[in-house]
N, C-alpha and C. Protein backbone atom coordinates (compact mmCIF):
# COMPACT_ATOMS: atom_id res chain seq x y z
N UNK A 1 0.83 -1.20 0.00
CA UNK A 1 0.00 0.00 0.00
C UNK A 1 0.86 1.25 0.00
N UNK A 2 1.93 1.19 0.81
CA UNK A 2 2.85 2.34 0.89
C UNK A 2 3.55 2.54 -0.43
N UNK A 3 3.93 1.40 -1.05
CA UNK A 3 4.62 1.52 -2.35
C UNK A 3 3.70 2.11 -3.41
N UNK A 4 2.43 1.75 -3.34
CA UNK A 4 1.45 2.27 -4.33
C UNK A 4 1.28 3.77 -4.18
N UNK A 5 1.20 4.25 -2.92
CA UNK A 5 1.04 5.70 -2.68
C UNK A 5 2.26 6.47 -3.15
N UNK A 6 3.45 5.87 -2.86
CA UNK A 6 4.70 6.53 -3.28
C UNK A 6 4.77 6.62 -4.79
N UNK A 7 4.39 5.54 -5.46
CA UNK A 7 4.41 5.52 -6.94
C UNK A 7 3.45 6.57 -7.49
N UNK A 8 2.30 6.67 -6.80
CA UNK A 8 1.30 7.66 -7.25
C UNK A 8 1.83 9.08 -7.13
N UNK A 9 2.52 9.37 -5.98
CA UNK A 9 3.09 10.71 -5.80
C UNK A 9 4.16 11.01 -6.84
N UNK A 10 4.99 10.02 -7.15
CA UNK A 10 6.03 10.20 -8.16
C UNK A 10 5.42 10.49 -9.52
N UNK A 11 4.36 9.70 -9.85
CA UNK A 11 3.69 9.90 -11.15
C UNK A 11 3.09 11.29 -11.24
N UNK A 12 2.42 11.72 -10.16
CA UNK A 12 1.83 13.07 -10.15
C UNK A 12 2.90 14.15 -10.24
N UNK A 13 4.04 13.88 -9.57
CA UNK A 13 5.12 14.87 -9.62
C UNK A 13 5.67 15.03 -11.02
N UNK A 14 5.85 13.90 -11.71
CA UNK A 14 6.36 13.96 -13.09
C UNK A 14 5.37 14.66 -14.00
N UNK A 15 4.08 14.31 -13.81
CA UNK A 15 3.03 14.93 -14.64
C UNK A 15 2.98 16.44 -14.39
N UNK A 16 3.10 16.84 -13.12
CA UNK A 16 3.07 18.27 -12.79
C UNK A 16 4.23 19.02 -13.39
N UNK A 17 5.43 18.40 -13.32
CA UNK A 17 6.61 19.06 -13.90
C UNK A 17 6.48 19.19 -15.41
N UNK A 18 5.92 18.16 -16.05
CA UNK A 18 5.71 18.22 -17.50
C UNK A 18 4.73 19.35 -17.86
N UNK A 19 3.63 19.43 -17.07
CA UNK A 19 2.64 20.48 -17.33
C UNK A 19 3.25 21.85 -17.12
N UNK A 20 4.05 22.01 -16.05
CA UNK A 20 4.71 23.28 -15.79
C UNK A 20 5.68 23.65 -16.90
N UNK A 21 6.44 22.64 -17.36
CA UNK A 21 7.40 22.89 -18.45
C UNK A 21 6.69 23.30 -19.72
N UNK A 22 5.53 22.64 -19.98
CA UNK A 22 4.75 22.99 -21.19
C UNK A 22 4.23 24.42 -21.10
N UNK A 23 3.76 24.80 -19.89
CA UNK A 23 3.22 26.15 -19.69
C UNK A 23 4.32 27.21 -19.84
N UNK A 24 5.51 26.93 -19.27
CA UNK A 24 6.64 27.87 -19.39
C UNK A 24 7.04 28.02 -20.85
N UNK A 25 7.09 26.90 -21.58
CA UNK A 25 7.43 26.97 -23.00
C UNK A 25 6.43 27.77 -23.79
N UNK A 26 5.15 27.61 -23.45
CA UNK A 26 4.10 28.35 -24.15
C UNK A 26 4.23 29.85 -23.91
N UNK A 27 4.48 30.23 -22.64
CA UNK A 27 4.64 31.65 -22.31
C UNK A 27 5.88 32.23 -22.98
N UNK A 28 6.95 31.47 -23.02
CA UNK A 28 8.18 31.95 -23.66
C UNK A 28 7.96 32.19 -25.14
N UNK A 29 7.22 31.28 -25.78
CA UNK A 29 6.93 31.46 -27.20
C UNK A 29 6.08 32.68 -27.46
N UNK A 30 5.09 32.91 -26.55
CA UNK A 30 4.22 34.08 -26.71
C UNK A 30 5.00 35.37 -26.55
N UNK A 31 5.91 35.38 -25.56
CA UNK A 31 6.73 36.58 -25.35
C UNK A 31 7.68 36.82 -26.52
N UNK A 32 8.16 35.75 -27.12
CA UNK A 32 9.07 35.89 -28.26
C UNK A 32 8.34 36.48 -29.46
N UNK A 33 7.04 36.14 -29.60
CA UNK A 33 6.28 36.65 -30.74
C UNK A 33 5.75 38.06 -30.50
N UNK A 34 5.64 38.47 -29.23
CA UNK A 34 5.00 39.74 -28.90
C UNK A 34 5.62 40.96 -29.57
N UNK A 35 6.96 41.12 -29.56
CA UNK A 35 7.53 42.31 -30.22
C UNK A 35 7.17 42.40 -31.69
N UNK A 36 7.15 41.26 -32.38
CA UNK A 36 6.83 41.28 -33.81
C UNK A 36 5.38 41.68 -34.03
N UNK A 37 4.48 41.19 -33.13
CA UNK A 37 3.08 41.53 -33.29
C UNK A 37 2.80 42.97 -32.88
N UNK A 38 3.53 43.49 -31.89
CA UNK A 38 3.28 44.83 -31.38
C UNK A 38 3.92 45.90 -32.25
N UNK A 39 4.93 45.56 -33.01
CA UNK A 39 5.64 46.56 -33.81
C UNK A 39 4.71 47.18 -34.85
N UNK A 40 4.69 48.50 -34.92
CA UNK A 40 3.86 49.21 -35.89
C UNK A 40 4.72 49.60 -37.08
N UNK A 41 4.15 49.52 -38.29
CA UNK A 41 4.93 49.90 -39.47
C UNK A 41 5.26 51.39 -39.45
N UNK A 42 6.44 51.73 -39.90
CA UNK A 42 6.83 53.13 -39.96
C UNK A 42 6.01 53.86 -41.01
N UNK A 43 5.63 55.14 -40.75
CA UNK A 43 4.86 55.89 -41.74
C UNK A 43 5.62 55.98 -43.06
N UNK A 44 4.90 55.75 -44.14
CA UNK A 44 5.52 55.82 -45.46
C UNK A 44 5.91 57.26 -45.77
N UNK A 45 7.13 57.45 -46.25
CA UNK A 45 7.60 58.79 -46.59
C UNK A 45 7.20 59.14 -48.02
N UNK A 46 7.06 60.44 -48.31
CA UNK A 46 6.77 60.84 -49.69
C UNK A 46 7.88 60.40 -50.63
N UNK A 47 7.51 60.12 -51.86
CA UNK A 47 8.48 59.70 -52.87
C UNK A 47 8.17 60.41 -54.18
N UNK A 48 9.08 60.30 -55.11
CA UNK A 48 8.93 60.94 -56.41
C UNK A 48 8.33 59.95 -57.40
N UNK A 49 7.43 60.42 -58.25
CA UNK A 49 6.83 59.57 -59.27
C UNK A 49 7.87 59.15 -60.31
N UNK A 50 7.56 58.15 -61.10
CA UNK A 50 8.51 57.62 -62.08
C UNK A 50 8.96 58.69 -63.07
N UNK A 51 8.06 59.60 -63.45
CA UNK A 51 8.44 60.64 -64.40
C UNK A 51 9.04 61.87 -63.72
N UNK A 52 9.08 61.85 -62.38
CA UNK A 52 9.69 62.96 -61.64
C UNK A 52 8.84 64.19 -61.51
N UNK A 53 7.63 64.18 -62.06
CA UNK A 53 6.80 65.39 -62.10
C UNK A 53 5.80 65.49 -60.96
N UNK A 54 5.77 64.47 -60.09
CA UNK A 54 4.81 64.49 -58.99
C UNK A 54 5.47 63.94 -57.73
N UNK A 55 4.94 64.36 -56.58
CA UNK A 55 5.37 63.85 -55.29
C UNK A 55 4.23 63.02 -54.72
N UNK A 56 4.52 61.77 -54.38
CA UNK A 56 3.50 60.85 -53.90
C UNK A 56 3.59 60.72 -52.38
N UNK A 57 2.48 61.00 -51.71
CA UNK A 57 2.43 60.90 -50.25
C UNK A 57 1.42 59.82 -49.89
N UNK A 58 1.88 58.56 -49.76
CA UNK A 58 0.95 57.46 -49.49
C UNK A 58 0.26 57.56 -48.14
N UNK A 59 0.90 58.21 -47.17
CA UNK A 59 0.30 58.33 -45.85
C UNK A 59 -0.95 59.20 -45.90
N UNK A 60 -0.88 60.29 -46.67
CA UNK A 60 -2.04 61.18 -46.84
C UNK A 60 -2.88 60.82 -48.06
N UNK A 61 -2.41 59.85 -48.84
CA UNK A 61 -3.07 59.41 -50.07
C UNK A 61 -3.23 60.58 -51.06
N UNK A 62 -2.14 61.32 -51.24
CA UNK A 62 -2.14 62.47 -52.13
C UNK A 62 -0.98 62.39 -53.12
N UNK A 63 -1.21 62.93 -54.30
CA UNK A 63 -0.16 63.10 -55.30
C UNK A 63 -0.11 64.59 -55.63
N UNK A 64 1.04 65.19 -55.40
CA UNK A 64 1.22 66.63 -55.61
C UNK A 64 1.93 66.91 -56.93
N UNK A 65 1.49 67.95 -57.63
CA UNK A 65 2.27 68.46 -58.75
C UNK A 65 3.58 68.98 -58.17
N UNK A 66 4.70 68.54 -58.72
CA UNK A 66 5.99 68.88 -58.12
C UNK A 66 6.33 70.36 -58.33
N UNK A 67 5.84 70.92 -59.40
CA UNK A 67 6.14 72.32 -59.72
C UNK A 67 4.91 73.20 -59.54
N UNK A 68 5.15 74.45 -59.21
CA UNK A 68 4.10 75.45 -59.16
C UNK A 68 3.52 75.62 -60.56
N UNK A 69 2.22 75.90 -60.63
CA UNK A 69 1.60 76.10 -61.95
C UNK A 69 2.28 77.28 -62.67
N UNK A 70 2.56 77.07 -63.93
CA UNK A 70 3.33 78.03 -64.71
C UNK A 70 4.76 77.58 -64.90
N UNK A 71 5.20 76.66 -64.04
CA UNK A 71 6.53 76.08 -64.16
C UNK A 71 6.41 74.62 -64.59
N UNK A 72 7.47 74.04 -65.12
CA UNK A 72 7.44 72.66 -65.62
C UNK A 72 8.69 71.93 -65.18
N UNK A 73 8.55 70.62 -64.94
CA UNK A 73 9.68 69.79 -64.54
C UNK A 73 10.55 69.47 -65.74
N UNK A 74 11.85 69.77 -65.64
CA UNK A 74 12.77 69.56 -66.75
C UNK A 74 13.53 68.24 -66.65
N UNK A 75 13.36 67.55 -65.56
CA UNK A 75 14.14 66.34 -65.30
C UNK A 75 15.11 66.56 -64.17
N UNK A 76 15.40 67.83 -63.88
CA UNK A 76 16.28 68.19 -62.77
C UNK A 76 15.72 69.33 -61.92
N UNK A 77 15.01 70.25 -62.57
CA UNK A 77 14.53 71.44 -61.89
C UNK A 77 13.11 71.76 -62.35
N UNK A 78 12.49 72.71 -61.62
CA UNK A 78 11.25 73.33 -62.08
C UNK A 78 11.64 74.64 -62.75
N UNK A 79 11.29 74.79 -63.99
CA UNK A 79 11.69 75.97 -64.73
C UNK A 79 10.47 76.65 -65.36
N UNK A 80 10.55 77.98 -65.46
CA UNK A 80 9.46 78.75 -66.02
C UNK A 80 9.08 79.85 -65.06
N UNK A 81 8.01 80.56 -65.38
CA UNK A 81 7.54 81.67 -64.54
C UNK A 81 6.28 81.26 -63.80
N UNK A 82 6.29 81.29 -62.47
CA UNK A 82 5.08 80.94 -61.72
C UNK A 82 3.90 81.81 -62.16
N UNK A 83 2.76 81.18 -62.34
CA UNK A 83 1.57 81.87 -62.84
C UNK A 83 0.73 82.35 -61.67
N UNK A 84 0.39 83.63 -61.68
CA UNK A 84 -0.47 84.22 -60.65
C UNK A 84 -1.91 84.20 -61.13
N UNK A 85 -2.82 83.79 -60.27
CA UNK A 85 -4.23 83.67 -60.66
C UNK A 85 -5.13 84.14 -59.53
N UNK A 86 -6.32 84.61 -59.91
CA UNK A 86 -7.37 84.85 -58.93
C UNK A 86 -7.93 83.48 -58.51
N UNK A 87 -8.72 83.44 -57.48
CA UNK A 87 -9.27 82.15 -57.05
C UNK A 87 -10.17 81.53 -58.13
N UNK A 88 -11.08 82.30 -58.77
CA UNK A 88 -11.86 81.70 -59.85
C UNK A 88 -10.99 81.17 -61.00
N UNK A 89 -9.93 81.90 -61.32
CA UNK A 89 -9.03 81.45 -62.37
C UNK A 89 -8.31 80.16 -61.95
N UNK A 90 -7.91 80.08 -60.69
CA UNK A 90 -7.21 78.89 -60.19
C UNK A 90 -8.12 77.66 -60.25
N UNK A 91 -9.38 77.83 -59.88
CA UNK A 91 -10.33 76.71 -59.93
C UNK A 91 -10.56 76.26 -61.37
N UNK A 92 -10.69 77.23 -62.27
CA UNK A 92 -10.87 76.90 -63.70
C UNK A 92 -9.63 76.23 -64.26
N UNK A 93 -8.46 76.70 -63.84
CA UNK A 93 -7.20 76.12 -64.30
C UNK A 93 -7.09 74.65 -63.88
N UNK A 94 -7.48 74.36 -62.63
CA UNK A 94 -7.44 72.98 -62.14
C UNK A 94 -8.36 72.08 -62.97
N UNK A 95 -9.55 72.58 -63.30
CA UNK A 95 -10.47 71.80 -64.13
C UNK A 95 -9.89 71.56 -65.52
N UNK A 96 -9.26 72.60 -66.08
CA UNK A 96 -8.66 72.47 -67.41
C UNK A 96 -7.52 71.47 -67.43
N UNK A 97 -6.68 71.50 -66.40
CA UNK A 97 -5.56 70.56 -66.36
C UNK A 97 -6.07 69.13 -66.15
N UNK A 98 -7.13 68.98 -65.37
CA UNK A 98 -7.72 67.65 -65.16
C UNK A 98 -8.19 67.06 -66.48
N UNK A 99 -8.85 67.89 -67.29
CA UNK A 99 -9.34 67.42 -68.59
C UNK A 99 -8.18 67.08 -69.52
N UNK A 100 -7.13 67.90 -69.48
CA UNK A 100 -5.98 67.67 -70.36
C UNK A 100 -5.18 66.44 -69.97
N UNK A 101 -4.99 66.23 -68.65
CA UNK A 101 -4.17 65.12 -68.17
C UNK A 101 -4.97 63.84 -67.95
N UNK A 102 -6.29 63.97 -67.83
CA UNK A 102 -7.10 62.81 -67.49
C UNK A 102 -6.94 62.41 -66.03
N UNK A 103 -6.51 63.35 -65.17
CA UNK A 103 -6.31 63.12 -63.75
C UNK A 103 -7.10 64.17 -62.97
N UNK A 104 -7.58 63.79 -61.81
CA UNK A 104 -8.47 64.67 -61.04
C UNK A 104 -7.69 65.70 -60.21
N UNK A 105 -7.02 66.62 -60.89
CA UNK A 105 -6.30 67.69 -60.19
C UNK A 105 -7.29 68.65 -59.55
N UNK A 106 -6.91 69.22 -58.42
CA UNK A 106 -7.75 70.19 -57.71
C UNK A 106 -6.87 71.12 -56.89
N UNK A 107 -7.49 72.18 -56.35
CA UNK A 107 -6.78 73.02 -55.39
C UNK A 107 -6.72 72.28 -54.06
N UNK A 108 -5.61 72.35 -53.36
CA UNK A 108 -5.51 71.69 -52.05
C UNK A 108 -6.27 72.44 -50.97
N UNK A 109 -6.61 71.74 -49.91
CA UNK A 109 -7.22 72.37 -48.75
C UNK A 109 -6.13 73.00 -47.88
N UNK A 110 -6.53 73.86 -46.96
CA UNK A 110 -5.57 74.55 -46.09
C UNK A 110 -4.67 73.56 -45.37
N UNK A 111 -5.27 72.53 -44.75
CA UNK A 111 -4.48 71.57 -43.97
C UNK A 111 -3.50 70.81 -44.84
N UNK A 112 -3.85 70.57 -46.09
CA UNK A 112 -2.95 69.85 -46.99
C UNK A 112 -1.73 70.71 -47.34
N UNK A 113 -1.95 71.99 -47.59
CA UNK A 113 -0.82 72.89 -47.86
C UNK A 113 0.07 73.03 -46.62
N UNK A 114 -0.55 73.13 -45.46
CA UNK A 114 0.23 73.25 -44.24
C UNK A 114 1.04 71.99 -43.97
N UNK A 115 0.54 70.86 -44.41
CA UNK A 115 1.26 69.59 -44.25
C UNK A 115 2.60 69.64 -45.00
N UNK A 116 2.61 70.32 -46.16
CA UNK A 116 3.86 70.44 -46.91
C UNK A 116 4.92 71.19 -46.09
N UNK A 117 4.48 72.25 -45.40
CA UNK A 117 5.41 73.03 -44.59
C UNK A 117 5.89 72.21 -43.40
N UNK A 118 4.96 71.45 -42.76
CA UNK A 118 5.33 70.62 -41.62
C UNK A 118 6.31 69.53 -42.04
N UNK A 119 6.09 68.95 -43.21
CA UNK A 119 7.01 67.93 -43.72
C UNK A 119 8.40 68.53 -43.92
N UNK A 120 8.43 69.78 -44.41
CA UNK A 120 9.71 70.45 -44.61
C UNK A 120 10.45 70.66 -43.30
N UNK A 121 9.71 70.98 -42.23
CA UNK A 121 10.33 71.17 -40.91
C UNK A 121 10.91 69.85 -40.41
N UNK A 122 10.19 68.76 -40.64
CA UNK A 122 10.67 67.45 -40.20
C UNK A 122 11.96 67.06 -40.92
N UNK A 123 12.11 67.57 -42.14
CA UNK A 123 13.32 67.27 -42.91
C UNK A 123 14.49 68.16 -42.48
N UNK A 124 14.25 69.01 -41.46
CA UNK A 124 15.30 69.90 -40.92
C UNK A 124 15.90 70.76 -42.03
N UNK A 125 15.03 71.35 -42.82
CA UNK A 125 15.49 72.21 -43.91
C UNK A 125 14.91 73.61 -43.72
N UNK A 126 15.29 74.58 -44.56
CA UNK A 126 14.75 75.93 -44.42
C UNK A 126 13.23 75.93 -44.48
N UNK A 127 12.62 76.98 -43.94
CA UNK A 127 11.17 77.08 -43.88
C UNK A 127 10.54 76.85 -45.24
N UNK A 128 9.46 76.10 -45.24
CA UNK A 128 8.74 75.81 -46.48
C UNK A 128 8.82 74.34 -46.83
N UNK A 129 8.22 73.95 -47.94
CA UNK A 129 8.27 72.54 -48.37
C UNK A 129 9.70 72.07 -48.60
N UNK A 130 9.91 70.79 -48.44
CA UNK A 130 11.24 70.18 -48.65
C UNK A 130 11.69 70.48 -50.09
N UNK A 131 12.80 71.22 -50.27
CA UNK A 131 13.24 71.59 -51.61
C UNK A 131 13.68 70.41 -52.46
N UNK A 132 13.99 69.27 -51.83
CA UNK A 132 14.34 68.09 -52.61
C UNK A 132 13.10 67.50 -53.28
N UNK A 133 11.97 67.67 -52.63
CA UNK A 133 10.71 67.19 -53.20
C UNK A 133 10.05 68.25 -54.06
N UNK A 134 10.09 69.50 -53.59
CA UNK A 134 9.43 70.60 -54.28
C UNK A 134 10.45 71.71 -54.56
N UNK A 135 11.28 71.54 -55.57
CA UNK A 135 12.31 72.54 -55.85
C UNK A 135 11.72 73.85 -56.37
N UNK A 136 12.44 74.93 -56.08
CA UNK A 136 12.11 76.25 -56.64
C UNK A 136 10.71 76.72 -56.23
N UNK A 137 10.28 76.38 -55.01
CA UNK A 137 8.96 76.82 -54.54
C UNK A 137 9.06 78.21 -53.93
N UNK A 138 8.34 79.20 -54.45
CA UNK A 138 8.35 80.53 -53.83
C UNK A 138 7.74 80.47 -52.44
N UNK A 139 8.33 81.15 -51.49
CA UNK A 139 7.78 81.24 -50.13
C UNK A 139 6.77 82.38 -50.10
N UNK A 140 5.61 82.14 -50.68
CA UNK A 140 4.58 83.16 -50.79
C UNK A 140 3.21 82.53 -50.54
N UNK A 141 2.16 83.33 -50.72
CA UNK A 141 0.80 82.83 -50.52
C UNK A 141 0.36 81.97 -51.70
N UNK A 142 -0.29 80.85 -51.36
CA UNK A 142 -0.86 79.93 -52.35
C UNK A 142 -2.35 79.78 -52.08
N UNK A 143 -3.13 79.70 -53.15
CA UNK A 143 -4.56 79.51 -53.00
C UNK A 143 -4.88 78.12 -52.46
N UNK A 144 -5.95 78.05 -51.65
CA UNK A 144 -6.51 76.77 -51.22
C UNK A 144 -7.97 76.72 -51.65
N UNK A 145 -8.54 75.51 -51.61
CA UNK A 145 -9.95 75.33 -51.96
C UNK A 145 -10.85 75.45 -50.74
N UNK A 146 -10.26 75.67 -49.56
CA UNK A 146 -11.05 75.74 -48.34
C UNK A 146 -11.94 76.97 -48.34
N UNK A 147 -13.23 76.75 -48.06
CA UNK A 147 -14.17 77.86 -48.01
C UNK A 147 -14.30 78.39 -46.59
N UNK A 148 -14.17 77.49 -45.62
CA UNK A 148 -14.28 77.87 -44.23
C UNK A 148 -13.41 76.94 -43.42
N UNK A 149 -12.77 77.44 -42.38
CA UNK A 149 -11.85 76.63 -41.59
C UNK A 149 -12.31 76.62 -40.14
N UNK A 150 -12.89 75.49 -39.72
CA UNK A 150 -13.29 75.33 -38.34
C UNK A 150 -14.26 76.36 -37.84
N UNK A 151 -15.08 76.91 -38.74
CA UNK A 151 -16.08 77.88 -38.33
C UNK A 151 -15.52 79.24 -38.01
N UNK A 152 -14.23 79.45 -38.28
CA UNK A 152 -13.61 80.75 -37.96
C UNK A 152 -14.10 81.82 -38.90
N UNK A 153 -14.41 82.96 -38.36
CA UNK A 153 -14.82 84.10 -39.19
C UNK A 153 -13.58 84.79 -39.74
N UNK A 154 -13.69 85.29 -40.95
CA UNK A 154 -12.57 86.00 -41.57
C UNK A 154 -12.49 87.43 -41.07
N UNK A 155 -11.32 87.98 -41.12
CA UNK A 155 -11.12 89.39 -40.80
C UNK A 155 -11.01 90.17 -42.10
N UNK A 156 -12.07 90.85 -42.52
CA UNK A 156 -12.08 91.52 -43.82
C UNK A 156 -11.17 92.73 -43.90
N UNK A 157 -10.58 93.13 -42.77
CA UNK A 157 -9.74 94.32 -42.79
C UNK A 157 -8.26 93.99 -42.87
N UNK A 158 -7.93 92.71 -43.10
CA UNK A 158 -6.53 92.34 -43.16
C UNK A 158 -6.10 92.12 -44.61
N UNK A 159 -5.82 90.89 -45.00
CA UNK A 159 -5.30 90.62 -46.34
C UNK A 159 -6.26 91.04 -47.44
N UNK A 160 -7.58 90.85 -47.22
CA UNK A 160 -8.53 91.17 -48.28
C UNK A 160 -8.42 92.62 -48.71
N UNK A 161 -8.32 93.51 -47.72
CA UNK A 161 -8.22 94.93 -48.04
C UNK A 161 -6.87 95.28 -48.64
N UNK A 162 -5.81 94.71 -48.06
CA UNK A 162 -4.46 94.99 -48.55
C UNK A 162 -4.32 94.57 -50.00
N UNK A 163 -4.80 93.37 -50.35
CA UNK A 163 -4.67 92.87 -51.70
C UNK A 163 -5.46 93.71 -52.71
N UNK A 164 -6.49 94.40 -52.21
CA UNK A 164 -7.28 95.25 -53.10
C UNK A 164 -6.68 96.65 -53.20
N UNK A 165 -5.57 96.87 -52.51
CA UNK A 165 -4.91 98.17 -52.59
C UNK A 165 -5.21 99.07 -51.42
N UNK A 166 -6.03 98.56 -50.45
CA UNK A 166 -6.33 99.34 -49.26
C UNK A 166 -7.41 100.37 -49.51
N UNK A 167 -8.05 100.78 -48.41
CA UNK A 167 -9.08 101.80 -48.51
C UNK A 167 -10.38 101.25 -49.04
N UNK A 168 -11.44 102.05 -48.97
CA UNK A 168 -12.73 101.64 -49.49
C UNK A 168 -13.39 100.62 -48.57
N UNK A 169 -14.50 100.07 -49.05
CA UNK A 169 -15.22 99.10 -48.25
C UNK A 169 -14.48 97.77 -48.19
N UNK A 170 -14.57 97.12 -47.04
CA UNK A 170 -13.98 95.79 -46.91
C UNK A 170 -14.84 94.81 -47.68
N UNK A 171 -14.24 93.78 -48.30
CA UNK A 171 -15.02 92.81 -49.06
C UNK A 171 -15.89 91.96 -48.14
N UNK A 172 -17.02 91.48 -48.65
CA UNK A 172 -17.88 90.60 -47.88
C UNK A 172 -17.25 89.22 -47.81
N UNK A 173 -17.79 88.37 -46.91
CA UNK A 173 -17.24 87.02 -46.74
C UNK A 173 -17.29 86.23 -48.04
N UNK A 174 -18.31 86.48 -48.87
CA UNK A 174 -18.44 85.75 -50.14
C UNK A 174 -17.34 86.12 -51.12
N UNK A 175 -16.66 87.24 -50.86
CA UNK A 175 -15.60 87.69 -51.75
C UNK A 175 -14.22 87.28 -51.26
N UNK A 176 -14.18 86.53 -50.15
CA UNK A 176 -12.90 86.17 -49.54
C UNK A 176 -12.61 84.69 -49.68
N UNK A 177 -11.33 84.36 -49.75
CA UNK A 177 -10.91 82.96 -49.82
C UNK A 177 -9.77 82.71 -48.86
N UNK A 178 -9.40 81.43 -48.74
CA UNK A 178 -8.30 81.03 -47.85
C UNK A 178 -7.03 80.78 -48.65
N UNK A 179 -5.93 81.24 -48.10
CA UNK A 179 -4.62 81.02 -48.72
C UNK A 179 -3.63 80.65 -47.62
N UNK A 180 -2.56 79.96 -48.01
CA UNK A 180 -1.54 79.53 -47.05
C UNK A 180 -0.18 80.03 -47.53
N UNK A 181 0.59 80.58 -46.61
CA UNK A 181 1.94 81.04 -46.93
C UNK A 181 2.88 79.84 -46.82
N UNK A 182 3.52 79.48 -47.93
CA UNK A 182 4.38 78.30 -47.93
C UNK A 182 5.79 78.58 -47.44
N UNK A 183 5.94 79.65 -46.71
CA UNK A 183 7.17 79.88 -45.99
C UNK A 183 6.95 79.63 -44.51
N UNK A 184 5.82 80.15 -44.00
CA UNK A 184 5.52 80.03 -42.57
C UNK A 184 4.46 78.98 -42.26
N UNK A 185 3.63 78.65 -43.25
CA UNK A 185 2.53 77.73 -43.01
C UNK A 185 1.29 78.43 -42.48
N UNK A 186 1.36 79.76 -42.33
CA UNK A 186 0.22 80.51 -41.80
C UNK A 186 -0.93 80.52 -42.81
N UNK A 187 -2.15 80.33 -42.29
CA UNK A 187 -3.35 80.35 -43.13
C UNK A 187 -4.06 81.69 -42.97
N UNK A 188 -4.53 82.24 -44.07
CA UNK A 188 -5.25 83.52 -44.06
C UNK A 188 -6.60 83.33 -44.74
N UNK A 189 -7.67 83.60 -44.00
CA UNK A 189 -9.01 83.44 -44.56
C UNK A 189 -9.62 84.73 -44.99
N UNK A 190 -8.80 85.77 -45.13
CA UNK A 190 -9.33 87.09 -45.47
C UNK A 190 -8.69 87.64 -46.74
N UNK A 191 -8.44 86.75 -47.69
CA UNK A 191 -7.82 87.16 -48.95
C UNK A 191 -8.90 87.34 -50.01
N UNK A 192 -8.92 88.48 -50.64
CA UNK A 192 -9.90 88.73 -51.70
C UNK A 192 -9.73 87.70 -52.82
N UNK A 193 -10.85 87.13 -53.28
CA UNK A 193 -10.81 86.12 -54.32
C UNK A 193 -10.25 86.66 -55.64
N UNK A 194 -10.23 87.97 -55.77
CA UNK A 194 -9.67 88.57 -56.98
C UNK A 194 -8.16 88.74 -56.90
N UNK A 195 -7.58 88.49 -55.73
CA UNK A 195 -6.13 88.60 -55.57
C UNK A 195 -5.44 87.55 -56.44
N UNK A 196 -4.30 87.91 -56.97
CA UNK A 196 -3.55 87.01 -57.86
C UNK A 196 -2.45 86.34 -57.05
N UNK A 197 -2.66 85.05 -56.77
CA UNK A 197 -1.73 84.29 -55.95
C UNK A 197 -1.19 83.09 -56.72
N UNK A 198 -0.26 82.39 -56.10
CA UNK A 198 0.34 81.20 -56.70
C UNK A 198 -0.56 79.98 -56.49
N UNK A 199 -0.32 78.95 -57.31
CA UNK A 199 -1.15 77.74 -57.26
C UNK A 199 -0.27 76.50 -57.37
N UNK A 200 -0.52 75.54 -56.48
CA UNK A 200 0.05 74.19 -56.62
C UNK A 200 -1.11 73.21 -56.53
N UNK A 201 -1.20 72.32 -57.50
CA UNK A 201 -2.34 71.40 -57.57
C UNK A 201 -2.02 70.07 -56.90
N UNK A 202 -3.08 69.37 -56.52
CA UNK A 202 -2.96 68.07 -55.87
C UNK A 202 -4.10 67.17 -56.37
N UNK A 203 -3.95 65.89 -56.19
CA UNK A 203 -5.03 64.93 -56.51
C UNK A 203 -4.95 63.76 -55.55
N UNK A 204 -6.03 63.04 -55.44
CA UNK A 204 -6.06 61.87 -54.57
C UNK A 204 -5.24 60.76 -55.21
N UNK A 205 -4.41 60.13 -54.38
CA UNK A 205 -3.55 59.06 -54.88
C UNK A 205 -4.36 57.78 -55.01
N UNK A 206 -4.36 57.20 -56.21
CA UNK A 206 -5.11 55.96 -56.47
C UNK A 206 -4.49 54.79 -55.73
C-alpha cells in the first residue's frame, strides 16, 4: 500500500513538472512573438513619381504636382515663370488641367498645404516645403480650396483689403478665400478672391 502511494506521488510529480514545463514553454513562445506583433509599421515617406513630375504621399493618399503652376519639370529642376491667378481662375485652371491630363487635379485644402510646410520642418530644412521634393517653390501665398476653416470668421480688414490696394469698403465674406503662406505655413481666410496668388495642384492618390 505504501509503495502504491509513493508511486502515485512520483507519477503526479512527473506529470506536474511536465505540465509546468509545457506552460513555461508556451509563455516563452508568446513573449518571443509579442515584439513582432506589437511593432507598428513606420509611416511611409513621400516619394517621387517615375516621371519625376509628382510627389506621392501614401500616408495622406495624395499626389502633388511637383512644380508650381506656370513652371514645368525639366528632369532636374522646375523651370518657367510661376503663374499668378485669382481664385476663380485657379479653380478653372485645375479643371482644365484635369481634362488635359485625365487626372483629377484640384486646389488643395488649407491643412494639406500646411502639411507640406510641416514635412519640410521634419526634414530639418529651411522654412517651407522640402526643396528636394518641391524645388524652386516661392515662399509666398498659395490659393486653397477651403471655403471655411473650423467655423472661424474671416477678418475683412486684413489681407482682403491689402490685396485690393487698401481703402474703401472691406469685401464681404463671399468675396474672400483662404490662402496659405508656404514659408511660414500661416493660413489667411481674409484674402480677396480677386487677388492674384500662386497655385500648386494636388489629386487623390489611387
